[in-house]
C-alpha atoms as a PDB file:
ATOM      1  CA  MET A   1       6.679  -4.828  -9.080  1.00  0.00           C
ATOM      2  CA  GLU A   2       6.301  -1.844  -6.742  1.00  0.00           C
ATOM      3  CA  PHE A   3       2.885  -1.113  -8.201  1.00  0.00           C
ATOM      4  CA  PHE A   4       1.588  -4.559  -7.281  1.00  0.00           C
ATOM      5  CA  GLN A   5       2.975  -4.334  -3.760  1.00  0.00           C
ATOM      6  CA  ALA A   6       1.378  -0.914  -3.262  1.00  0.00           C
ATOM      7  CA  ALA A   7      -1.906  -2.164  -4.687  1.00  0.00           C
ATOM      8  CA  SER A   8      -1.943  -5.118  -2.330  1.00  0.00           C
ATOM      9  CA  ARG A   9      -1.494  -2.790   0.669  1.00  0.00           C
ATOM     10  CA  GLN A  10      -4.470  -0.624  -0.263  1.00  0.00           C
ATOM     11  CA  ASP A  11      -7.526  -0.968   1.907  1.00  0.00           C
ATOM     12  CA  PRO A  12     -10.537  -2.204  -0.153  1.00  0.00           C
ATOM     13  CA  LEU A  13     -12.920  -0.502   2.272  1.00  0.00           C
ATOM     14  CA  LYS A  14     -11.165   2.831   1.734  1.00  0.00           C
ATOM     15  CA  ASP A  15     -11.412   2.370  -2.053  1.00  0.00           C
ATOM     16  CA  SER A  16     -15.091   1.572  -1.677  1.00  0.00           C
ATOM     17  CA  LEU A  17     -15.700   4.715   0.370  1.00  0.00           C
ATOM     18  CA  THR A  18     -13.760   6.803  -2.144  1.00  0.00           C
ATOM     19  CA  ALA A  19     -15.896   5.426  -4.983  1.00  0.00           C
ATOM     20  CA  GLU A  20     -19.050   6.087  -2.980  1.00  0.00           C
ATOM     21  CA  ASP A  21     -17.919   9.633  -2.210  1.00  0.00           C
ATOM     22  CA  SER A  22     -17.238  10.231  -5.911  1.00  0.00           C
ATOM     23  CA  TYR A  23     -20.648   8.861  -6.811  1.00  0.00           C
ATOM     24  CA  ASN A  24     -22.352  11.071  -4.233  1.00  0.00           C
ATOM     25  CA  ALA A  25     -20.493  14.163  -5.432  1.00  0.00           C
ATOM     26  CA  ILE A  26     -21.465  13.503  -9.055  1.00  0.00           C
ATOM     27  CA  ARG A  27     -25.064  12.740  -8.073  1.00  0.00           C
ATOM     28  CA  THR A  28     -25.302  15.951  -6.027  1.00  0.00           C
ATOM     29  CA  LYS A  29     -23.944  17.998  -8.929  1.00  0.00           C
ATOM     30  CA  MET A  30     -26.352  16.378 -11.394  1.00  0.00           C
ATOM     31  CA  LEU A  31     -29.345  17.005  -9.156  1.00  0.00           C
ATOM     32  CA  ALA A  32     -28.322  20.645  -8.713  1.00  0.00           C
ATOM     33  CA  GLU A  33     -28.034  21.087 -12.494  1.00  0.00           C
ATOM     34  CA  LEU A  34     -31.438  19.479 -13.040  1.00  0.00           C
ATOM     35  CA  LYS A  35     -33.030  21.692 -10.395  1.00  0.00           C
ATOM     36  CA  GLU A  36     -31.505  24.785 -12.007  1.00  0.00           C
ATOM     37  CA  TYR A  37     -32.770  23.693 -15.452  1.00  0.00           C
ATOM     38  CA  GLU A  38     -36.242  23.125 -14.035  1.00  0.00           C
ATOM     39  CA  ASP A  39     -36.336  26.458 -12.183  1.00  0.00           C
ATOM     40  CA  GLU A  40     -34.820  28.651 -14.882  1.00  0.00           C
ATOM     41  CA  ILE A  41     -36.063  27.060 -18.103  1.00  0.00           C
ATOM     42  CA  LEU A  42     -38.860  24.533 -17.705  1.00  0.00           C
ATOM     43  CA  TYR A  43     -40.996  26.215 -15.065  1.00  0.00           C
ATOM     44  CA  PRO A  44     -41.191  29.620 -16.801  1.00  0.00           C
ATOM     45  CA  LEU A  45     -41.983  27.849 -20.058  1.00  0.00           C
ATOM     46  CA  ALA A  46     -44.697  25.749 -18.413  1.00  0.00           C
ATOM     47  CA  THR A  47     -46.362  28.803 -16.892  1.00  0.00           C
ATOM     48  CA  GLN A  48     -46.690  30.300 -20.382  1.00  0.00           C
ATOM     49  CA  GLN A  49     -48.894  27.351 -21.392  1.00  0.00           C
ATOM     50  CA  ILE A  50     -47.680  27.472 -24.981  1.00  0.00           C
ATOM     51  CA  GLU A  51     -50.175  26.037 -27.423  1.00  0.00           C
ATOM     52  CA  ILE A  52     -48.952  23.864 -30.224  1.00  0.00           C
ATOM     53  CA  ASP A  53     -50.841  22.915 -33.347  1.00  0.00           C
ATOM     54  CA  LEU A  54     -49.867  19.646 -34.937  1.00  0.00           C
ATOM     55  CA  ASP A  55     -50.932  21.027 -38.308  1.00  0.00           C
ATOM     56  CA  ASP A  56     -48.177  23.677 -38.027  1.00  0.00           C
ATOM     57  CA  GLY A  57     -45.530  20.972 -38.215  1.00  0.00           C
ATOM     58  CA  VAL A  58     -42.421  20.207 -36.240  1.00  0.00           C
ATOM     59  CA  LEU A  59     -40.424  23.258 -37.362  1.00  0.00           C
ATOM     60  CA  VAL A  60     -42.959  25.794 -36.094  1.00  0.00           C
ATOM     61  CA  ASN A  61     -43.753  23.954 -32.859  1.00  0.00           C
ATOM     62  CA  TYR A  62     -40.121  23.138 -32.064  1.00  0.00           C
ATOM     63  CA  ASN A  63     -39.097  26.781 -32.146  1.00  0.00           C
ATOM     64  CA  LYS A  64     -41.837  27.767 -29.694  1.00  0.00           C
ATOM     65  CA  PHE A  65     -39.903  26.079 -26.885  1.00  0.00           C
ATOM     66  CA  GLY A  66     -36.661  28.037 -27.202  1.00  0.00           C
ATOM     67  CA  SER A  67     -33.816  27.029 -24.907  1.00  0.00           C
ATOM     68  CA  ALA A  68     -35.738  24.129 -23.372  1.00  0.00           C
ATOM     69  CA  LEU A  69     -34.797  22.012 -26.367  1.00  0.00           C
ATOM     70  CA  LYS A  70     -31.420  21.232 -27.836  1.00  0.00           C
ATOM     71  CA  LYS A  71     -30.518  23.033 -31.050  1.00  0.00           C
ATOM     72  CA  VAL A  72     -31.009  20.783 -34.073  1.00  0.00           C
ATOM     73  CA  SER A  73     -29.818  21.839 -37.487  1.00  0.00           C
ATOM     74  CA  GLY A  74     -32.765  22.219 -39.804  1.00  0.00           C
ATOM     75  CA  LEU A  75     -35.204  22.779 -36.947  1.00  0.00           C
ATOM     76  CA  SER A  76     -33.680  25.659 -35.029  1.00  0.00           C
ATOM     77  CA  GLU A  77     -34.280  29.142 -36.370  1.00  0.00           C
ATOM     78  CA  ASN A  78     -30.736  30.297 -35.522  1.00  0.00           C
END
């Protein structure tokens, strides 16, 4: 019963702001991670202008991109 009384006293606006703050914190963290991934992995890889040959197949071409791609058993060299 105490739980319901406490819940009824909570301010919906405060809960809304808390949810929005949580969303903004998560969004900020995600954007920072994406920026780091772009700067440290994608951009250096893009400046190398790696050529792929479709005749080489997926295994050969996949391994040319190193840490930019997720490791997949059967495709990754390691």
